[in-house]
């Protein structure tokens, strides 16, 4: 399954749904943290989707499977 190109805003909604809370923001980057203490930085750029490499890193750090992420993309 191929990962979809999504905006930072949509990625932020998906991670918030999975229990991540915004901790701070500096410029166009928002840091999120969950109850386990995992810290993730999400870039929020208006005209560009999140790059595939950054998306892979965020999925790995957030412990989201590829299938679960794609399902959440389609439902949110």
PDB file of N, CA and C in Angstrom:
ATOM      1  N   UNK A   1       0.835  -1.182   0.000  1.00  0.00           N
ATOM      2  CA  UNK A   1       0.000   0.000   0.000  1.00  0.00           C
ATOM      3  C   UNK A   1       0.877   1.241   0.000  1.00  0.00           C
ATOM      4  N   UNK A   2       0.524   2.157  -0.839  1.00  0.00           N
ATOM      5  CA  UNK A   2       1.277   3.387  -0.975  1.00  0.00           C
ATOM      6  C   UNK A   2       0.733   4.424   0.006  1.00  0.00           C
ATOM      7  N   UNK A   3       1.631   5.151   0.641  1.00  0.00           N
ATOM      8  CA  UNK A   3       1.206   6.195   1.575  1.00  0.00           C
ATOM      9  C   UNK A   3       0.674   7.393   0.801  1.00  0.00           C
ATOM     10  N   UNK A   4      -0.436   7.965   1.241  1.00  0.00           N
ATOM     11  CA  UNK A   4      -0.971   9.141   0.558  1.00  0.00           C
ATOM     12  C   UNK A   4      -0.185  10.393   0.937  1.00  0.00           C
ATOM     13  N   UNK A   5      -0.149  11.348   0.033  1.00  0.00           N
ATOM     14  CA  UNK A   5       0.423  12.654   0.351  1.00  0.00           C
ATOM     15  C   UNK A   5      -0.658  13.449   1.076  1.00  0.00           C
ATOM     16  N   UNK A   6      -0.361  13.875   2.290  1.00  0.00           N
ATOM     17  CA  UNK A   6      -1.352  14.619   3.057  1.00  0.00           C
ATOM     18  C   UNK A   6      -0.728  15.897   3.591  1.00  0.00           C
ATOM     19  N   UNK A   7      -1.592  16.818   3.937  1.00  0.00           N
ATOM     20  CA  UNK A   7      -1.127  18.088   4.493  1.00  0.00           C
ATOM     21  C   UNK A   7      -0.759  17.912   5.962  1.00  0.00           C
ATOM     22  N   UNK A   8      -0.032  18.861   6.463  1.00  0.00           N
ATOM     23  CA  UNK A   8       0.338  18.841   7.871  1.00  0.00           C
ATOM     24  C   UNK A   8      -0.875  18.969   8.771  1.00  0.00           C
ATOM     25  N   UNK A   9      -1.877  19.729   8.323  1.00  0.00           N
ATOM     26  CA  UNK A   9      -3.096  19.905   9.116  1.00  0.00           C
ATOM     27  C   UNK A   9      -3.838  18.582   9.280  1.00  0.00           C
ATOM     28  N   UNK A  10      -3.934  17.815   8.188  1.00  0.00           N
ATOM     29  CA  UNK A  10      -4.631  16.525   8.274  1.00  0.00           C
ATOM     30  C   UNK A  10      -3.841  15.544   9.145  1.00  0.00           C
ATOM     31  N   UNK A  11      -2.525  15.566   9.033  1.00  0.00           N
ATOM     32  CA  UNK A  11      -1.681  14.717   9.870  1.00  0.00           C
ATOM     33  C   UNK A  11      -1.848  15.087  11.338  1.00  0.00           C
ATOM     34  N   UNK A  12      -1.980  16.368  11.603  1.00  0.00           N
ATOM     35  CA  UNK A  12      -2.207  16.848  12.966  1.00  0.00           C
ATOM     36  C   UNK A  12      -3.525  16.304  13.521  1.00  0.00           C
ATOM     37  N   UNK A  13      -4.577  16.294  12.699  1.00  0.00           N
ATOM     38  CA  UNK A  13      -5.878  15.755  13.118  1.00  0.00           C
ATOM     39  C   UNK A  13      -5.785  14.253  13.410  1.00  0.00           C
ATOM     40  N   UNK A  14      -5.066  13.528  12.564  1.00  0.00           N
ATOM     41  CA  UNK A  14      -4.924  12.081  12.749  1.00  0.00           C
ATOM     42  C   UNK A  14      -4.185  11.780  14.045  1.00  0.00           C
ATOM     43  N   UNK A  15      -3.086  12.488  14.284  1.00  0.00           N
ATOM     44  CA  UNK A  15      -2.310  12.249  15.501  1.00  0.00           C
ATOM     45  C   UNK A  15      -3.081  12.675  16.746  1.00  0.00           C
ATOM     46  N   UNK A  16      -3.871  13.744  16.642  1.00  0.00           N
ATOM     47  CA  UNK A  16      -4.704  14.164  17.774  1.00  0.00           C
ATOM     48  C   UNK A  16      -5.743  13.097  18.094  1.00  0.00           C
ATOM     49  N   UNK A  17      -6.289  12.478  17.054  1.00  0.00           N
ATOM     50  CA  UNK A  17      -7.260  11.404  17.235  1.00  0.00           C
ATOM     51  C   UNK A  17      -6.629  10.210  17.950  1.00  0.00           C
ATOM     52  N   UNK A  18      -5.328   9.987  17.725  1.00  0.00           N
ATOM     53  CA  UNK A  18      -4.616   8.874  18.352  1.00  0.00           C
ATOM     54  C   UNK A  18      -4.058   9.226  19.729  1.00  0.00           C
ATOM     55  N   UNK A  19      -4.405  10.392  20.274  1.00  0.00           N
ATOM     56  CA  UNK A  19      -4.025  10.713  21.644  1.00  0.00           C
ATOM     57  C   UNK A  19      -2.872  11.682  21.802  1.00  0.00           C
ATOM     58  N   UNK A  20      -2.369  12.242  20.716  1.00  0.00           N
ATOM     59  CA  UNK A  20      -1.288  13.217  20.811  1.00  0.00           C
ATOM     60  C   UNK A  20      -1.868  14.602  21.067  1.00  0.00           C
ATOM     61  N   UNK A  21      -1.181  15.369  21.905  1.00  0.00           N
ATOM     62  CA  UNK A  21      -1.626  16.709  22.292  1.00  0.00           C
ATOM     63  C   UNK A  21      -0.526  17.701  21.921  1.00  0.00           C
ATOM     64  N   UNK A  22      -0.936  18.860  21.429  1.00  0.00           N
ATOM     65  CA  UNK A  22       0.023  19.899  21.069  1.00  0.00           C
ATOM     66  C   UNK A  22       0.713  20.432  22.320  1.00  0.00           C
ATOM     67  N   UNK A  23       2.048  20.420  22.303  1.00  0.00           N
ATOM     68  CA  UNK A  23       2.834  20.883  23.439  1.00  0.00           C
ATOM     69  C   UNK A  23       3.329  22.301  23.189  1.00  0.00           C
ATOM     70  N   UNK A  24       3.865  22.543  21.988  1.00  0.00           N
ATOM     71  CA  UNK A  24       4.340  23.879  21.649  1.00  0.00           C
ATOM     72  C   UNK A  24       4.462  24.016  20.144  1.00  0.00           C
ATOM     73  N   UNK A  25       4.605  25.274  19.714  1.00  0.00           N
ATOM     74  CA  UNK A  25       4.769  25.561  18.301  1.00  0.00           C
ATOM     75  C   UNK A  25       5.850  26.614  18.139  1.00  0.00           C
ATOM     76  N   UNK A  26       6.679  26.400  17.140  1.00  0.00           N
ATOM     77  CA  UNK A  26       7.685  27.397  16.796  1.00  0.00           C
ATOM     78  C   UNK A  26       7.660  27.548  15.281  1.00  0.00           C
ATOM     79  N   UNK A  27       7.187  28.674  14.826  1.00  0.00           N
ATOM     80  CA  UNK A  27       7.068  28.892  13.387  1.00  0.00           C
ATOM     81  C   UNK A  27       6.032  27.964  12.789  1.00  0.00           C
ATOM     82  N   UNK A  28       6.443  27.213  11.776  1.00  0.00           N
ATOM     83  CA  UNK A  28       5.511  26.322  11.084  1.00  0.00           C
ATOM     84  C   UNK A  28       5.637  24.873  11.543  1.00  0.00           C
ATOM     85  N   UNK A  29       6.237  24.644  12.703  1.00  0.00           N
ATOM     86  CA  UNK A  29       6.395  23.291  13.232  1.00  0.00           C
ATOM     87  C   UNK A  29       5.706  23.177  14.591  1.00  0.00           C
ATOM     88  N   UNK A  30       4.874  22.155  14.725  1.00  0.00           N
ATOM     89  CA  UNK A  30       4.141  21.915  15.967  1.00  0.00           C
ATOM     90  C   UNK A  30       4.672  20.633  16.596  1.00  0.00           C
ATOM     91  N   UNK A  31       4.940  20.684  17.890  1.00  0.00           N
ATOM     92  CA  UNK A  31       5.377  19.489  18.610  1.00  0.00           C
ATOM     93  C   UNK A  31       4.195  18.899  19.361  1.00  0.00           C
ATOM     94  N   UNK A  32       4.032  17.586  19.208  1.00  0.00           N
ATOM     95  CA  UNK A  32       2.948  16.849  19.846  1.00  0.00           C
ATOM     96  C   UNK A  32       3.546  15.826  20.798  1.00  0.00           C
ATOM     97  N   UNK A  33       2.798  15.526  21.853  1.00  0.00           N
ATOM     98  CA  UNK A  33       3.251  14.546  22.840  1.00  0.00           C
ATOM     99  C   UNK A  33       2.057  13.693  23.238  1.00  0.00           C
ATOM    100  N   UNK A  34       2.301  12.391  23.471  1.00  0.00           N
ATOM    101  CA  UNK A  34       1.220  11.533  23.942  1.00  0.00           C
ATOM    102  C   UNK A  34       1.452  11.151  25.396  1.00  0.00           C
ATOM    103  N   UNK A  35       0.596  10.316  25.937  1.00  0.00           N
ATOM    104  CA  UNK A  35       0.670   9.935  27.351  1.00  0.00           C
ATOM    105  C   UNK A  35       1.939   9.145  27.671  1.00  0.00           C
ATOM    106  N   UNK A  36       2.504   8.463  26.680  1.00  0.00           N
ATOM    107  CA  UNK A  36       3.730   7.685  26.891  1.00  0.00           C
ATOM    108  C   UNK A  36       4.985   8.543  26.827  1.00  0.00           C
ATOM    109  N   UNK A  37       4.830   9.825  26.509  1.00  0.00           N
ATOM    110  CA  UNK A  37       5.973  10.724  26.442  1.00  0.00           C
ATOM    111  C   UNK A  37       6.630  10.799  25.079  1.00  0.00           C
ATOM    112  N   UNK A  38       6.028  10.193  24.067  1.00  0.00           N
ATOM    113  CA  UNK A  38       6.591  10.245  22.717  1.00  0.00           C
ATOM    114  C   UNK A  38       6.379  11.647  22.153  1.00  0.00           C
ATOM    115  N   UNK A  39       7.443  12.263  21.667  1.00  0.00           N
ATOM    116  CA  UNK A  39       7.410  13.620  21.136  1.00  0.00           C
ATOM    117  C   UNK A  39       7.589  13.565  19.622  1.00  0.00           C
ATOM    118  N   UNK A  40       6.682  14.215  18.898  1.00  0.00           N
ATOM    119  CA  UNK A  40       6.705  14.218  17.438  1.00  0.00           C
ATOM    120  C   UNK A  40       6.581  15.654  16.955  1.00  0.00           C
ATOM    121  N   UNK A  41       7.372  16.017  15.950  1.00  0.00           N
ATOM    122  CA  UNK A  41       7.297  17.337  15.339  1.00  0.00           C
ATOM    123  C   UNK A  41       6.632  17.208  13.980  1.00  0.00           C
ATOM    124  N   UNK A  42       5.570  18.005  13.756  1.00  0.00           N
ATOM    125  CA  UNK A  42       4.831  17.977  12.497  1.00  0.00           C
ATOM    126  C   UNK A  42       5.011  19.319  11.795  1.00  0.00           C
ATOM    127  N   UNK A  43       5.505  19.314  10.539  1.00  0.00           N
ATOM    128  CA  UNK A  43       5.615  20.568   9.797  1.00  0.00           C
ATOM    129  C   UNK A  43       4.259  20.956   9.212  1.00  0.00           C
ATOM    130  N   UNK A  44       3.888  22.211   9.369  1.00  0.00           N
ATOM    131  CA  UNK A  44       2.622  22.711   8.836  1.00  0.00           C
ATOM    132  C   UNK A  44       2.956  23.774   7.790  1.00  0.00           C
ATOM    133  N   UNK A  45       2.986  23.375   6.521  1.00  0.00           N
ATOM    134  CA  UNK A  45       3.249  24.309   5.434  1.00  0.00           C
ATOM    135  C   UNK A  45       1.994  24.385   4.579  1.00  0.00           C
ATOM    136  N   UNK A  46       1.593  25.591   4.216  1.00  0.00           N
ATOM    137  CA  UNK A  46       0.313  25.777   3.529  1.00  0.00           C
ATOM    138  C   UNK A  46       0.235  25.091   2.173  1.00  0.00           C
ATOM    139  N   UNK A  47       1.260  25.235   1.361  1.00  0.00           N
ATOM    140  CA  UNK A  47       1.140  24.783  -0.020  1.00  0.00           C
ATOM    141  C   UNK A  47       1.841  23.467  -0.322  1.00  0.00           C
ATOM    142  N   UNK A  48       2.463  22.851   0.689  1.00  0.00           N
ATOM    143  CA  UNK A  48       3.199  21.610   0.443  1.00  0.00           C
ATOM    144  C   UNK A  48       2.695  20.492   1.343  1.00  0.00           C
ATOM    145  N   UNK A  49       2.563  19.290   0.783  1.00  0.00           N
ATOM    146  CA  UNK A  49       2.239  18.144   1.650  1.00  0.00           C
ATOM    147  C   UNK A  49       3.475  17.734   2.442  1.00  0.00           C
ATOM    148  N   UNK A  50       3.264  16.945   3.464  1.00  0.00           N
ATOM    149  CA  UNK A  50       4.367  16.419   4.267  1.00  0.00           C
ATOM    150  C   UNK A  50       5.136  15.427   3.395  1.00  0.00           C
ATOM    151  N   UNK A  51       6.453  15.548   3.352  1.00  0.00           N
ATOM    152  CA  UNK A  51       7.251  14.668   2.494  1.00  0.00           C
ATOM    153  C   UNK A  51       7.175  13.223   2.998  1.00  0.00           C
ATOM    154  N   UNK A  52       7.406  12.298   2.084  1.00  0.00           N
ATOM    155  CA  UNK A  52       7.288  10.875   2.402  1.00  0.00           C
ATOM    156  C   UNK A  52       8.279  10.462   3.488  1.00  0.00           C
ATOM    157  N   UNK A  53       9.495  10.971   3.428  1.00  0.00           N
ATOM    158  CA  UNK A  53      10.495  10.627   4.437  1.00  0.00           C
ATOM    159  C   UNK A  53      10.091  11.079   5.826  1.00  0.00           C
ATOM    160  N   UNK A  54       9.578  12.301   5.919  1.00  0.00           N
ATOM    161  CA  UNK A  54       9.116  12.828   7.209  1.00  0.00           C
ATOM    162  C   UNK A  54       7.906  12.032   7.690  1.00  0.00           C
ATOM    163  N   UNK A  55       7.019  11.684   6.762  1.00  0.00           N
ATOM    164  CA  UNK A  55       5.832  10.905   7.113  1.00  0.00           C
ATOM    165  C   UNK A  55       6.225   9.522   7.649  1.00  0.00           C
ATOM    166  N   UNK A  56       7.201   8.869   7.019  1.00  0.00           N
ATOM    167  CA  UNK A  56       7.692   7.575   7.512  1.00  0.00           C
ATOM    168  C   UNK A  56       8.243   7.708   8.927  1.00  0.00           C
ATOM    169  N   UNK A  57       9.014   8.749   9.175  1.00  0.00           N
ATOM    170  CA  UNK A  57       9.603   8.969  10.503  1.00  0.00           C
ATOM    171  C   UNK A  57       8.511   9.193  11.546  1.00  0.00           C
ATOM    172  N   UNK A  58       7.500   9.990  11.194  1.00  0.00           N
ATOM    173  CA  UNK A  58       6.404  10.262  12.126  1.00  0.00           C
ATOM    174  C   UNK A  58       5.627   8.984  12.422  1.00  0.00           C
ATOM    175  N   UNK A  59       5.368   8.168  11.401  1.00  0.00           N
ATOM    176  CA  UNK A  59       4.646   6.905  11.618  1.00  0.00           C
ATOM    177  C   UNK A  59       5.454   5.958  12.494  1.00  0.00           C
ATOM    178  N   UNK A  60       6.754   5.897  12.263  1.00  0.00           N
ATOM    179  CA  UNK A  60       7.614   5.025  13.068  1.00  0.00           C
ATOM    180  C   UNK A  60       7.644   5.495  14.524  1.00  0.00           C
ATOM    181  N   UNK A  61       7.791   6.809  14.723  1.00  0.00           N
ATOM    182  CA  UNK A  61       7.858   7.350  16.083  1.00  0.00           C
ATOM    183  C   UNK A  61       6.528   7.226  16.825  1.00  0.00           C
ATOM    184  N   UNK A  62       5.419   7.375  16.099  1.00  0.00           N
ATOM    185  CA  UNK A  62       4.105   7.327  16.743  1.00  0.00           C
ATOM    186  C   UNK A  62       3.582   5.905  16.907  1.00  0.00           C
ATOM    187  N   UNK A  63       4.324   4.932  16.374  1.00  0.00           N
ATOM    188  CA  UNK A  63       3.953   3.520  16.459  1.00  0.00           C
ATOM    189  C   UNK A  63       2.624   3.222  15.765  1.00  0.00           C
ATOM    190  N   UNK A  64       2.348   3.956  14.682  1.00  0.00           N
ATOM    191  CA  UNK A  64       1.172   3.710  13.852  1.00  0.00           C
ATOM    192  C   UNK A  64       1.578   2.793  12.702  1.00  0.00           C
ATOM    193  N   UNK A  65       0.769   1.785  12.430  1.00  0.00           N
ATOM    194  CA  UNK A  65       1.062   0.927  11.284  1.00  0.00           C
ATOM    195  C   UNK A  65       0.615   1.639  10.008  1.00  0.00           C
ATOM    196  N   UNK A  66       1.174   1.203   8.897  1.00  0.00           N
ATOM    197  CA  UNK A  66       0.833   1.809   7.609  1.00  0.00           C
ATOM    198  C   UNK A  66      -0.657   1.627   7.305  1.00  0.00           C
ATOM    199  N   UNK A  67      -1.183   0.425   7.550  1.00  0.00           N
ATOM    200  CA  UNK A  67      -2.596   0.139   7.272  1.00  0.00           C
ATOM    201  C   UNK A  67      -3.511   0.981   8.156  1.00  0.00           C
ATOM    202  N   UNK A  68      -3.152   1.110   9.426  1.00  0.00           N
ATOM    203  CA  UNK A  68      -3.953   1.914  10.348  1.00  0.00           C
ATOM    204  C   UNK A  68      -3.938   3.384   9.932  1.00  0.00           C
ATOM    205  N   UNK A  69      -2.782   3.868   9.489  1.00  0.00           N
ATOM    206  CA  UNK A  69      -2.668   5.254   9.055  1.00  0.00           C
ATOM    207  C   UNK A  69      -3.528   5.518   7.822  1.00  0.00           C
ATOM    208  N   UNK A  70      -3.482   4.612   6.852  1.00  0.00           N
ATOM    209  CA  UNK A  70      -4.273   4.788   5.632  1.00  0.00           C
ATOM    210  C   UNK A  70      -5.759   4.758   5.954  1.00  0.00           C
ATOM    211  N   UNK A  71      -6.162   3.876   6.862  1.00  0.00           N
ATOM    212  CA  UNK A  71      -7.569   3.815   7.272  1.00  0.00           C
ATOM    213  C   UNK A  71      -7.999   5.124   7.933  1.00  0.00           C
ATOM    214  N   UNK A  72      -7.150   5.671   8.795  1.00  0.00           N
ATOM    215  CA  UNK A  72      -7.464   6.944   9.446  1.00  0.00           C
ATOM    216  C   UNK A  72      -7.514   8.087   8.436  1.00  0.00           C
ATOM    217  N   UNK A  73      -6.647   8.056   7.431  1.00  0.00           N
ATOM    218  CA  UNK A  73      -6.661   9.090   6.385  1.00  0.00           C
ATOM    219  C   UNK A  73      -7.992   9.094   5.645  1.00  0.00           C
ATOM    220  N   UNK A  74      -8.514   7.922   5.391  1.00  0.00           N
ATOM    221  CA  UNK A  74      -9.774   7.818   4.659  1.00  0.00           C
ATOM    222  C   UNK A  74     -10.975   8.192   5.515  1.00  0.00           C
ATOM    223  N   UNK A  75     -10.878   8.027   6.834  1.00  0.00           N
ATOM    224  CA  UNK A  75     -12.025   8.269   7.708  1.00  0.00           C
ATOM    225  C   UNK A  75     -12.053   9.658   8.326  1.00  0.00           C
ATOM    226  N   UNK A  76     -10.918  10.325   8.390  1.00  0.00           N
ATOM    227  CA  UNK A  76     -10.892  11.656   9.021  1.00  0.00           C
ATOM    228  C   UNK A  76     -10.865  12.718   7.955  1.00  0.00           C
TER     229      UNK A  76
END
